[in-house]
Amino acid sequence: MPARTKKGPYKYKSKPKLGKWFFVLPVVFLVIILSSFFFLLSSSFWGRGERLGLSYINTSGDIAVTNFDPKLGTIATVVIPKDTEVEVSRSLGKWRIGVLYQLGENEKLGGVLLSETITRYFKMPSDRWASGEISFSTMFSSLKTNLSVADRVSISVFPFFVKSGSKISINAADVQYVKKSKLSDGKLGYIRAFEKLPFEISTIFADPDISTEALTIQIENRSGKKALASDLGEIIEVMGAKIFSLQAGDKIDSDCIIYGKRSVTRDRLSRVFTCKTSDKLKGQGNFDLVIQIGTGFARRY
């Protein structure tokens, strides 16, 4: 109803004019959203279609190692019982794997200690870690992880696009990779039954992109530990590459560096073993990649 005024019986109030901000603000908001989206994509390596190996503590307290493959459209998980005794990386002794994440926190290493030990002791390549399961409900939770925000989002959404038949889960005890035994503390638990990965598990970590590249690789061992090169080579071959040469040399006080042109194989190896990379070819250039390891690598392996 019209408002009554002193100057006349009734007078209609004019509607407020829509300012230019009514049209500008939605555009600005849209630009911010799109910019954030493209930033997330640019900060994601998994968004380029590469495999991702993630070690984490599942809801049962066991350790799970999940391989996400966006190209094949598969999610494969290996579960290691929490009461499995392992030799921890960085010469930290024998521990039950269920406490390994907390041990890493105590040592100021976070989940790095977990992924390193999984890779070294079980020969299952793992370059990412989390303090718990990454899912749609925990996408933006306070979980600790070395995944980027983009990768957390991708991993959370990815399962919705994977067929049920392409999701598999294997318990290491079911395939006899670990067996029940009395542990160092005198209590019952699990120990690794044998060093070589069972076929059911090794196929999960074989990367078709690495196998297709079929690069010639040499490991130059300058760590002072003779067995280190062969141990490293076994893990690399699980990933689908082939070691053509193991070369020993005088000890050097360095960590790990991979020489050779950029490739899927070089990028993947550098992430799994936390190695620096160089585009230069080393030696006579007879190999596509030369992985040089020194005493620094030996100390954290």
C-alpha atoms as a PDB file:
ATOM      1  CA  MET A   1       0.000   0.000   0.000  1.00  0.00           C
ATOM      2  CA  PRO A   2       1.338   3.513  -0.806  1.00  0.00           C
ATOM      3  CA  ALA A   3       2.977   5.348   2.078  1.00  0.00           C
ATOM      4  CA  ARG A   4       1.197   8.387   3.495  1.00  0.00           C
ATOM      5  CA  THR A   5       3.213  11.651   3.528  1.00  0.00           C
ATOM      6  CA  LYS A   6       2.792  15.180   4.917  1.00  0.00           C
ATOM      7  CA  LYS A   7       2.760  16.797   1.478  1.00  0.00           C
ATOM      8  CA  GLY A   8      -0.006  14.727   0.066  1.00  0.00           C
ATOM      9  CA  PRO A   9      -2.376  11.948   0.812  1.00  0.00           C
ATOM     10  CA  TYR A  10      -0.273   9.247  -0.673  1.00  0.00           C
ATOM     11  CA  LYS A  11       3.042   8.944  -2.405  1.00  0.00           C
ATOM     12  CA  TYR A  12       4.680   5.877  -3.894  1.00  0.00           C
ATOM     13  CA  LYS A  13       8.252   5.201  -2.822  1.00  0.00           C
ATOM     14  CA  SER A  14      10.566   4.600  -5.757  1.00  0.00           C
ATOM     15  CA  LYS A  15      12.319   1.248  -5.966  1.00  0.00           C
ATOM     16  CA  PRO A  16      16.072   1.323  -5.370  1.00  0.00           C
ATOM     17  CA  LYS A  17      18.068   1.364  -8.568  1.00  0.00           C
ATOM     18  CA  LEU A  18      20.213  -1.649  -9.343  1.00  0.00           C
ATOM     19  CA  GLY A  19      23.795  -0.556  -9.399  1.00  0.00           C
ATOM     20  CA  LYS A  20      26.504  -1.867 -11.662  1.00  0.00           C
ATOM     21  CA  TRP A  21      27.757  -4.125  -8.837  1.00  0.00           C
ATOM     22  CA  PHE A  22      24.637  -6.260  -9.251  1.00  0.00           C
ATOM     23  CA  PHE A  23      26.131  -7.473 -12.539  1.00  0.00           C
ATOM     24  CA  VAL A  24      29.832  -7.197 -11.702  1.00  0.00           C
ATOM     25  CA  LEU A  25      29.890  -9.237  -8.474  1.00  0.00           C
ATOM     26  CA  PRO A  26      28.646 -12.524 -10.025  1.00  0.00           C
ATOM     27  CA  VAL A  27      31.289 -12.190 -12.751  1.00  0.00           C
ATOM     28  CA  VAL A  28      34.027 -11.576 -10.186  1.00  0.00           C
ATOM     29  CA  PHE A  29      32.810 -14.542  -8.157  1.00  0.00           C
ATOM     30  CA  LEU A  30      32.847 -16.765 -11.248  1.00  0.00           C
ATOM     31  CA  VAL A  31      36.393 -15.673 -12.133  1.00  0.00           C
ATOM     32  CA  ILE A  32      37.587 -16.517  -8.606  1.00  0.00           C
ATOM     33  CA  ILE A  33      35.982 -19.975  -8.765  1.00  0.00           C
ATOM     34  CA  LEU A  34      37.471 -20.730 -12.191  1.00  0.00           C
ATOM     35  CA  SER A  35      40.899 -19.429 -11.160  1.00  0.00           C
ATOM     36  CA  SER A  36      40.872 -21.631  -8.060  1.00  0.00           C
ATOM     37  CA  PHE A  37      39.829 -24.622 -10.160  1.00  0.00           C
ATOM     38  CA  PHE A  38      42.674 -24.164 -12.643  1.00  0.00           C
ATOM     39  CA  PHE A  39      45.129 -23.563  -9.799  1.00  0.00           C
ATOM     40  CA  LEU A  40      44.107 -26.878  -8.253  1.00  0.00           C
ATOM     41  CA  LEU A  41      44.621 -28.658 -11.536  1.00  0.00           C
ATOM     42  CA  SER A  42      48.033 -27.081 -12.007  1.00  0.00           C
ATOM     43  CA  SER A  43      49.108 -28.186  -8.517  1.00  0.00           C
ATOM     44  CA  SER A  44      48.108 -31.785  -9.124  1.00  0.00           C
ATOM     45  CA  PHE A  45      50.430 -34.373 -10.652  1.00  0.00           C
ATOM     46  CA  TRP A  46      47.772 -37.100 -10.446  1.00  0.00           C
ATOM     47  CA  GLY A  47      45.503 -34.918 -12.546  1.00  0.00           C
ATOM     48  CA  ARG A  48      47.818 -35.622 -15.486  1.00  0.00           C
ATOM     49  CA  GLY A  49      46.759 -39.254 -15.474  1.00  0.00           C
ATOM     50  CA  GLU A  50      49.672 -40.695 -13.514  1.00  0.00           C
ATOM     51  CA  ARG A  51      49.444 -43.512 -11.003  1.00  0.00           C
ATOM     52  CA  LEU A  52      49.422 -42.745  -7.315  1.00  0.00           C
ATOM     53  CA  GLY A  53      50.481 -45.071  -4.491  1.00  0.00           C
ATOM     54  CA  LEU A  54      49.082 -44.049  -1.113  1.00  0.00           C
ATOM     55  CA  SER A  55      49.942 -45.535   2.312  1.00  0.00           C
ATOM     56  CA  TYR A  56      47.583 -44.757   5.183  1.00  0.00           C
ATOM     57  CA  ILE A  57      45.912 -46.050   8.348  1.00  0.00           C
ATOM     58  CA  ASN A  58      42.498 -47.538   7.570  1.00  0.00           C
ATOM     59  CA  THR A  59      39.472 -47.507   9.882  1.00  0.00           C
ATOM     60  CA  SER A  60      40.546 -50.819  11.466  1.00  0.00           C
ATOM     61  CA  GLY A  61      43.973 -49.469  12.377  1.00  0.00           C
ATOM     62  CA  ASP A  62      45.686 -51.652   9.776  1.00  0.00           C
ATOM     63  CA  ILE A  63      48.006 -50.178   7.174  1.00  0.00           C
ATOM     64  CA  ALA A  64      46.628 -49.994   3.658  1.00  0.00           C
ATOM     65  CA  VAL A  65      48.536 -49.322   0.462  1.00  0.00           C
ATOM     66  CA  THR A  66      46.219 -48.240  -2.336  1.00  0.00           C
ATOM     67  CA  ASN A  67      47.181 -47.859  -5.974  1.00  0.00           C
ATOM     68  CA  PHE A  68      44.944 -45.440  -7.889  1.00  0.00           C
ATOM     69  CA  ASP A  69      45.190 -45.790 -11.671  1.00  0.00           C
ATOM     70  CA  PRO A  70      43.152 -43.195 -13.593  1.00  0.00           C
ATOM     71  CA  LYS A  71      44.144 -44.604 -16.990  1.00  0.00           C
ATOM     72  CA  LEU A  72      43.045 -48.168 -16.288  1.00  0.00           C
ATOM     73  CA  GLY A  73      40.207 -47.007 -14.062  1.00  0.00           C
ATOM     74  CA  THR A  74      41.222 -49.253 -11.154  1.00  0.00           C
ATOM     75  CA  ILE A  75      41.680 -49.011  -7.396  1.00  0.00           C
ATOM     76  CA  ALA A  76      43.746 -51.801  -5.832  1.00  0.00           C
ATOM     77  CA  THR A  77      44.485 -52.029  -2.104  1.00  0.00           C
ATOM     78  CA  VAL A  78      46.843 -54.224  -0.099  1.00  0.00           C
ATOM     79  CA  VAL A  79      46.099 -54.408   3.632  1.00  0.00           C
ATOM     80  CA  ILE A  80      48.879 -55.193   6.109  1.00  0.00           C
ATOM     81  CA  PRO A  81      47.710 -56.223   9.608  1.00  0.00           C
ATOM     82  CA  LYS A  82      48.624 -53.636  12.232  1.00  0.00           C
ATOM     83  CA  ASP A  83      50.413 -56.286  14.347  1.00  0.00           C
ATOM     84  CA  THR A  84      52.937 -57.034  11.594  1.00  0.00           C
ATOM     85  CA  GLU A  85      56.521 -56.516  12.740  1.00  0.00           C
ATOM     86  CA  VAL A  86      58.756 -54.647  10.298  1.00  0.00           C
ATOM     87  CA  GLU A  87      62.296 -53.371  10.127  1.00  0.00           C
ATOM     88  CA  VAL A  88      61.793 -49.627   9.974  1.00  0.00           C
ATOM     89  CA  SER A  89      63.697 -47.377   7.592  1.00  0.00           C
ATOM     90  CA  ARG A  90      66.418 -45.043   8.859  1.00  0.00           C
ATOM     91  CA  SER A  91      67.750 -47.775  11.178  1.00  0.00           C
ATOM     92  CA  LEU A  92      64.989 -47.221  13.732  1.00  0.00           C
ATOM     93  CA  GLY A  93      64.683 -50.889  14.637  1.00  0.00           C
ATOM     94  CA  LYS A  94      61.756 -53.312  14.659  1.00  0.00           C
ATOM     95  CA  TRP A  95      58.233 -52.058  15.311  1.00  0.00           C
ATOM     96  CA  ARG A  96      54.658 -53.142  14.717  1.00  0.00           C
ATOM     97  CA  ILE A  97      53.527 -51.440  11.574  1.00  0.00           C
ATOM     98  CA  GLY A  98      50.379 -50.107  13.237  1.00  0.00           C
ATOM     99  CA  VAL A  99      52.427 -47.631  15.298  1.00  0.00           C
ATOM    100  CA  LEU A 100      54.673 -46.582  12.445  1.00  0.00           C
ATOM    101  CA  TYR A 101      52.824 -43.369  11.623  1.00  0.00           C
ATOM    102  CA  GLN A 102      53.024 -42.199  15.250  1.00  0.00           C
ATOM    103  CA  LEU A 103      56.705 -43.150  15.323  1.00  0.00           C
ATOM    104  CA  GLY A 104      57.211 -40.945  12.289  1.00  0.00           C
ATOM    105  CA  GLU A 105      55.486 -38.091  14.075  1.00  0.00           C
ATOM    106  CA  ASN A 106      57.731 -38.582  17.104  1.00  0.00           C
ATOM    107  CA  GLU A 107      60.807 -38.538  14.859  1.00  0.00           C
ATOM    108  CA  LYS A 108      59.605 -35.339  13.118  1.00  0.00           C
ATOM    109  CA  LEU A 109      59.210 -37.268   9.843  1.00  0.00           C
ATOM    110  CA  GLY A 110      55.441 -37.520   9.660  1.00  0.00           C
ATOM    111  CA  GLY A 111      54.087 -40.124   7.268  1.00  0.00           C
ATOM    112  CA  VAL A 112      57.330 -40.188   5.274  1.00  0.00           C
ATOM    113  CA  LEU A 113      58.609 -42.938   7.560  1.00  0.00           C
ATOM    114  CA  LEU A 114      55.517 -45.023   6.787  1.00  0.00           C
ATOM    115  CA  SER A 115      55.778 -44.712   3.000  1.00  0.00           C
ATOM    116  CA  GLU A 116      59.547 -45.261   3.050  1.00  0.00           C
ATOM    117  CA  THR A 117      59.244 -48.436   5.120  1.00  0.00           C
ATOM    118  CA  ILE A 118      56.395 -49.783   2.979  1.00  0.00           C
ATOM    119  CA  THR A 119      58.526 -49.244  -0.130  1.00  0.00           C
ATOM    120  CA  ARG A 120      61.766 -50.642   1.285  1.00  0.00           C
ATOM    121  CA  TYR A 121      60.576 -53.513   3.460  1.00  0.00           C
ATOM    122  CA  PHE A 122      57.587 -54.772   1.472  1.00  0.00           C
ATOM    123  CA  LYS A 123      58.810 -53.662  -1.976  1.00  0.00           C
ATOM    124  CA  MET A 124      55.490 -51.941  -2.654  1.00  0.00           C
ATOM    125  CA  PRO A 125      56.183 -48.511  -4.216  1.00  0.00           C
ATOM    126  CA  SER A 126      54.461 -45.778  -2.235  1.00  0.00           C
ATOM    127  CA  ASP A 127      55.136 -42.095  -2.788  1.00  0.00           C
ATOM    128  CA  ARG A 128      52.180 -40.568  -0.926  1.00  0.00           C
ATOM    129  CA  TRP A 129      50.915 -40.980   2.635  1.00  0.00           C
ATOM    130  CA  ALA A 130      48.033 -39.948   4.877  1.00  0.00           C
ATOM    131  CA  SER A 131      47.142 -40.285   8.554  1.00  0.00           C
ATOM    132  CA  GLY A 132      43.771 -41.790   7.616  1.00  0.00           C
ATOM    133  CA  GLU A 133      41.543 -42.759   4.713  1.00  0.00           C
ATOM    134  CA  ILE A 134      40.966 -40.130   2.025  1.00  0.00           C
ATOM    135  CA  SER A 135      37.294 -40.160   1.069  1.00  0.00           C
ATOM    136  CA  PHE A 136      34.487 -37.824   0.078  1.00  0.00           C
ATOM    137  CA  SER A 137      33.620 -37.240   3.738  1.00  0.00           C
ATOM    138  CA  THR A 138      37.246 -36.553   4.762  1.00  0.00           C
ATOM    139  CA  MET A 139      38.189 -34.548   1.677  1.00  0.00           C
ATOM    140  CA  PHE A 140      38.699 -31.319   3.599  1.00  0.00           C
ATOM    141  CA  SER A 141      39.220 -32.763   7.072  1.00  0.00           C
ATOM    142  CA  SER A 142      42.262 -32.269   9.280  1.00  0.00           C
ATOM    143  CA  LEU A 143      43.955 -35.468   8.074  1.00  0.00           C
ATOM    144  CA  LYS A 144      47.688 -35.083   7.690  1.00  0.00           C
ATOM    145  CA  THR A 145      49.003 -35.963   4.229  1.00  0.00           C
ATOM    146  CA  ASN A 146      51.524 -34.967   1.579  1.00  0.00           C
ATOM    147  CA  LEU A 147      48.772 -34.956  -1.058  1.00  0.00           C
ATOM    148  CA  SER A 148      47.919 -31.623  -2.624  1.00  0.00           C
ATOM    149  CA  VAL A 149      44.374 -30.301  -2.214  1.00  0.00           C
ATOM    150  CA  ALA A 150      43.754 -31.132  -5.868  1.00  0.00           C
ATOM    151  CA  ASP A 151      44.842 -34.729  -5.418  1.00  0.00           C
ATOM    152  CA  ARG A 152      42.723 -35.114  -2.302  1.00  0.00           C
ATOM    153  CA  VAL A 153      39.689 -33.964  -4.244  1.00  0.00           C
ATOM    154  CA  SER A 154      40.530 -36.234  -7.203  1.00  0.00           C
ATOM    155  CA  ILE A 155      41.010 -39.295  -5.000  1.00  0.00           C
ATOM    156  CA  SER A 156      37.761 -38.600  -3.144  1.00  0.00           C
ATOM    157  CA  VAL A 157      35.729 -38.358  -6.342  1.00  0.00           C
ATOM    158  CA  PHE A 158      37.527 -41.053  -8.359  1.00  0.00           C
ATOM    159  CA  PRO A 159      35.838 -44.103  -6.695  1.00  0.00           C
ATOM    160  CA  PHE A 160      32.421 -42.940  -7.940  1.00  0.00           C
ATOM    161  CA  PHE A 161      33.622 -43.470 -11.526  1.00  0.00           C
ATOM    162  CA  VAL A 162      35.267 -46.864 -10.966  1.00  0.00           C
ATOM    163  CA  LYS A 163      33.245 -50.017 -11.592  1.00  0.00           C
ATOM    164  CA  SER A 164      32.869 -52.373  -8.650  1.00  0.00           C
ATOM    165  CA  GLY A 165      34.759 -55.090 -10.535  1.00  0.00           C
ATOM    166  CA  SER A 166      37.742 -52.757 -10.875  1.00  0.00           C
ATOM    167  CA  LYS A 167      38.093 -52.300  -7.121  1.00  0.00           C
ATOM    168  CA  ILE A 168      40.103 -55.011  -5.389  1.00  0.00           C
ATOM    169  CA  SER A 169      41.435 -55.460  -1.877  1.00  0.00           C
ATOM    170  CA  ILE A 170      43.998 -58.063  -0.813  1.00  0.00           C
ATOM    171  CA  ASN A 171      45.000 -58.840   2.746  1.00  0.00           C
ATOM    172  CA  ALA A 172      48.697 -59.699   2.950  1.00  0.00           C
ATOM    173  CA  ALA A 173      47.893 -62.513   5.405  1.00  0.00           C
ATOM    174  CA  ASP A 174      45.411 -64.131   2.994  1.00  0.00           C
ATOM    175  CA  VAL A 175      48.095 -64.566   0.320  1.00  0.00           C
ATOM    176  CA  GLN A 176      50.666 -65.719   2.925  1.00  0.00           C
ATOM    177  CA  TYR A 177      52.918 -62.703   2.412  1.00  0.00           C
ATOM    178  CA  VAL A 178      52.812 -62.310   6.200  1.00  0.00           C
ATOM    179  CA  LYS A 179      52.305 -65.135   8.674  1.00  0.00           C
ATOM    180  CA  LYS A 180      51.509 -65.424  12.377  1.00  0.00           C
ATOM    181  CA  SER A 181      54.528 -65.681  14.650  1.00  0.00           C
ATOM    182  CA  LYS A 182      55.923 -64.658  18.028  1.00  0.00           C
ATOM    183  CA  LEU A 183      57.392 -61.179  17.740  1.00  0.00           C
ATOM    184  CA  SER A 184      60.431 -59.559  19.313  1.00  0.00           C
ATOM    185  CA  ASP A 185      58.351 -58.453  22.309  1.00  0.00           C
ATOM    186  CA  GLY A 186      57.263 -62.040  22.967  1.00  0.00           C
ATOM    187  CA  LYS A 187      53.670 -61.450  21.862  1.00  0.00           C
ATOM    188  CA  LEU A 188      51.901 -62.922  18.856  1.00  0.00           C
ATOM    189  CA  GLY A 189      51.629 -60.980  15.638  1.00  0.00           C
ATOM    190  CA  TYR A 190      52.714 -61.247  12.020  1.00  0.00           C
ATOM    191  CA  ILE A 191      56.058 -61.296  10.272  1.00  0.00           C
ATOM    192  CA  ARG A 192      56.946 -61.175   6.577  1.00  0.00           C
ATOM    193  CA  ALA A 193      56.970 -64.764   5.310  1.00  0.00           C
ATOM    194  CA  PHE A 194      59.343 -64.148   2.394  1.00  0.00           C
ATOM    195  CA  GLU A 195      61.034 -61.207   0.689  1.00  0.00           C
ATOM    196  CA  LYS A 196      59.643 -61.602  -2.818  1.00  0.00           C
ATOM    197  CA  LEU A 197      56.200 -60.144  -3.466  1.00  0.00           C
ATOM    198  CA  PRO A 198      53.460 -62.683  -4.220  1.00  0.00           C
ATOM    199  CA  PHE A 199      52.202 -62.541  -7.801  1.00  0.00           C
ATOM    200  CA  GLU A 200      48.769 -61.333  -6.649  1.00  0.00           C
ATOM    201  CA  ILE A 201      50.377 -58.237  -5.135  1.00  0.00           C
ATOM    202  CA  SER A 202      53.218 -57.585  -7.588  1.00  0.00           C
ATOM    203  CA  THR A 203      50.773 -57.215 -10.492  1.00  0.00           C
ATOM    204  CA  ILE A 204      49.114 -54.328  -8.661  1.00  0.00           C
ATOM    205  CA  PHE A 205      52.298 -52.263  -8.655  1.00  0.00           C
ATOM    206  CA  ALA A 206      53.498 -53.016 -12.197  1.00  0.00           C
ATOM    207  CA  ASP A 207      53.084 -49.764 -14.129  1.00  0.00           C
ATOM    208  CA  PRO A 208      52.223 -50.263 -17.843  1.00  0.00           C
ATOM    209  CA  ASP A 209      53.578 -46.801 -18.722  1.00  0.00           C
ATOM    210  CA  ILE A 210      56.984 -47.692 -17.268  1.00  0.00           C
ATOM    211  CA  SER A 211      56.999 -51.089 -18.998  1.00  0.00           C
ATOM    212  CA  THR A 212      56.117 -49.456 -22.328  1.00  0.00           C
ATOM    213  CA  GLU A 213      59.007 -46.983 -22.081  1.00  0.00           C
ATOM    214  CA  ALA A 214      61.408 -49.919 -21.511  1.00  0.00           C
ATOM    215  CA  LEU A 215      64.303 -47.649 -20.575  1.00  0.00           C
ATOM    216  CA  THR A 216      67.778 -49.023 -19.898  1.00  0.00           C
ATOM    217  CA  ILE A 217      68.726 -48.281 -16.285  1.00  0.00           C
ATOM    218  CA  GLN A 218      71.983 -48.439 -14.368  1.00  0.00           C
ATOM    219  CA  ILE A 219      72.321 -48.129 -10.601  1.00  0.00           C
ATOM    220  CA  GLU A 220      75.603 -46.565  -9.511  1.00  0.00           C
ATOM    221  CA  ASN A 221      76.084 -47.587  -5.915  1.00  0.00           C
ATOM    222  CA  ARG A 222      78.365 -45.205  -4.038  1.00  0.00           C
ATOM    223  CA  SER A 223      76.729 -45.682  -0.658  1.00  0.00           C
ATOM    224  CA  GLY A 224      79.242 -48.144   0.790  1.00  0.00           C
ATOM    225  CA  LYS A 225      76.496 -50.759   1.251  1.00  0.00           C
ATOM    226  CA  LYS A 226      76.850 -53.523  -1.314  1.00  0.00           C
ATOM    227  CA  ALA A 227      73.339 -54.990  -0.995  1.00  0.00           C
ATOM    228  CA  LEU A 228      71.614 -51.618  -1.313  1.00  0.00           C
ATOM    229  CA  ALA A 229      71.772 -51.508  -5.120  1.00  0.00           C
ATOM    230  CA  SER A 230      70.178 -54.935  -5.577  1.00  0.00           C
ATOM    231  CA  ASP A 231      67.445 -54.127  -3.030  1.00  0.00           C
ATOM    232  CA  LEU A 232      66.693 -50.912  -4.895  1.00  0.00           C
ATOM    233  CA  GLY A 233      66.710 -52.766  -8.202  1.00  0.00           C
ATOM    234  CA  GLU A 234      64.092 -55.257  -6.973  1.00  0.00           C
ATOM    235  CA  ILE A 235      61.657 -52.459  -6.170  1.00  0.00           C
ATOM    236  CA  ILE A 236      62.274 -50.765  -9.517  1.00  0.00           C
ATOM    237  CA  GLU A 237      61.606 -54.024 -11.343  1.00  0.00           C
ATOM    238  CA  VAL A 238      58.330 -54.451  -9.420  1.00  0.00           C
ATOM    239  CA  MET A 239      57.341 -51.104 -10.936  1.00  0.00           C
ATOM    240  CA  GLY A 240      57.900 -52.483 -14.433  1.00  0.00           C
ATOM    241  CA  ALA A 241      61.413 -51.269 -15.295  1.00  0.00           C
ATOM    242  CA  LYS A 242      64.500 -53.376 -15.906  1.00  0.00           C
ATOM    243  CA  ILE A 243      67.929 -52.905 -14.346  1.00  0.00           C
ATOM    244  CA  PHE A 244      70.682 -53.510 -16.895  1.00  0.00           C
ATOM    245  CA  SER A 245      73.695 -52.756 -14.712  1.00  0.00           C
ATOM    246  CA  LEU A 246      74.760 -52.482 -11.078  1.00  0.00           C
ATOM    247  CA  GLN A 247      77.922 -50.431 -10.791  1.00  0.00           C
ATOM    248  CA  ALA A 248      79.866 -49.960  -7.541  1.00  0.00           C
ATOM    249  CA  GLY A 249      82.066 -46.939  -6.821  1.00  0.00           C
ATOM    250  CA  ASP A 250      83.836 -45.061  -4.057  1.00  0.00           C
ATOM    251  CA  LYS A 251      81.606 -43.669  -1.331  1.00  0.00           C
ATOM    252  CA  ILE A 252      80.314 -40.135  -1.761  1.00  0.00           C
ATOM    253  CA  ASP A 253      78.499 -37.998   0.775  1.00  0.00           C
ATOM    254  CA  SER A 254      75.339 -37.423  -1.265  1.00  0.00           C
ATOM    255  CA  ASP A 255      71.796 -38.713  -1.370  1.00  0.00           C
ATOM    256  CA  CYS A 256      70.194 -39.827  -4.625  1.00  0.00           C
ATOM    257  CA  ILE A 257      70.114 -38.337  -8.109  1.00  0.00           C
ATOM    258  CA  ILE A 258      68.700 -39.703 -11.348  1.00  0.00           C
ATOM    259  CA  TYR A 259      70.476 -38.705 -14.561  1.00  0.00           C
ATOM    260  CA  GLY A 260      68.673 -38.821 -17.906  1.00  0.00           C
ATOM    261  CA  LYS A 261      66.005 -37.140 -19.985  1.00  0.00           C
ATOM    262  CA  ARG A 262      62.622 -36.589 -18.407  1.00  0.00           C
ATOM    263  CA  SER A 263      60.230 -39.525 -18.762  1.00  0.00           C
ATOM    264  CA  VAL A 264      57.395 -41.227 -16.913  1.00  0.00           C
ATOM    265  CA  THR A 265      59.928 -43.660 -15.474  1.00  0.00           C
ATOM    266  CA  ARG A 266      62.282 -40.947 -14.235  1.00  0.00           C
ATOM    267  CA  ASP A 267      59.468 -38.901 -12.693  1.00  0.00           C
ATOM    268  CA  ARG A 268      57.928 -41.892 -10.956  1.00  0.00           C
ATOM    269  CA  LEU A 269      61.251 -43.155  -9.579  1.00  0.00           C
ATOM    270  CA  SER A 270      62.214 -39.713  -8.330  1.00  0.00           C
ATOM    271  CA  ARG A 271      58.962 -39.460  -6.347  1.00  0.00           C
ATOM    272  CA  VAL A 272      59.072 -42.954  -4.875  1.00  0.00           C
ATOM    273  CA  PHE A 273      62.710 -42.693  -3.761  1.00  0.00           C
ATOM    274  CA  THR A 274      62.792 -38.895  -3.225  1.00  0.00           C
ATOM    275  CA  CYS A 275      65.660 -38.417  -5.665  1.00  0.00           C
ATOM    276  CA  LYS A 276      66.808 -35.268  -7.391  1.00  0.00           C
ATOM    277  CA  THR A 277      66.894 -35.352 -11.183  1.00  0.00           C
ATOM    278  CA  SER A 278      69.258 -34.109 -13.889  1.00  0.00           C
ATOM    279  CA  ASP A 279      68.625 -33.955 -17.642  1.00  0.00           C
ATOM    280  CA  LYS A 280      72.282 -34.697 -18.266  1.00  0.00           C
ATOM    281  CA  LEU A 281      73.349 -38.180 -19.330  1.00  0.00           C
ATOM    282  CA  LYS A 282      75.959 -39.705 -17.044  1.00  0.00           C
ATOM    283  CA  GLY A 283      79.012 -41.711 -18.054  1.00  0.00           C
ATOM    284  CA  GLN A 284      79.269 -42.841 -21.660  1.00  0.00           C
ATOM    285  CA  GLY A 285      75.552 -42.404 -22.273  1.00  0.00           C
ATOM    286  CA  ASN A 286      74.961 -46.120 -22.741  1.00  0.00           C
ATOM    287  CA  PHE A 287      71.955 -46.037 -20.430  1.00  0.00           C
ATOM    288  CA  ASP A 288      68.740 -44.028 -20.571  1.00  0.00           C
ATOM    289  CA  LEU A 289      68.820 -43.458 -16.807  1.00  0.00           C
ATOM    290  CA  VAL A 290      71.609 -43.667 -14.231  1.00  0.00           C
ATOM    291  CA  ILE A 291      70.552 -43.716 -10.584  1.00  0.00           C
ATOM    292  CA  GLN A 292      73.405 -42.632  -8.341  1.00  0.00           C
ATOM    293  CA  ILE A 293      73.026 -43.354  -4.626  1.00  0.00           C
ATOM    294  CA  GLY A 294      75.364 -42.138  -1.902  1.00  0.00           C
ATOM    295  CA  THR A 295      75.778 -42.421   1.847  1.00  0.00           C
ATOM    296  CA  GLY A 296      72.916 -39.997   2.476  1.00  0.00           C
ATOM    297  CA  PHE A 297      70.493 -42.322   0.723  1.00  0.00           C
ATOM    298  CA  ALA A 298      71.819 -45.282   2.716  1.00  0.00           C
ATOM    299  CA  ARG A 299      71.145 -43.475   6.002  1.00  0.00           C
ATOM    300  CA  ARG A 300      67.442 -42.964   5.241  1.00  0.00           C
ATOM    301  CA  TYR A 301      66.813 -46.205   3.411  1.00  0.00           C
END
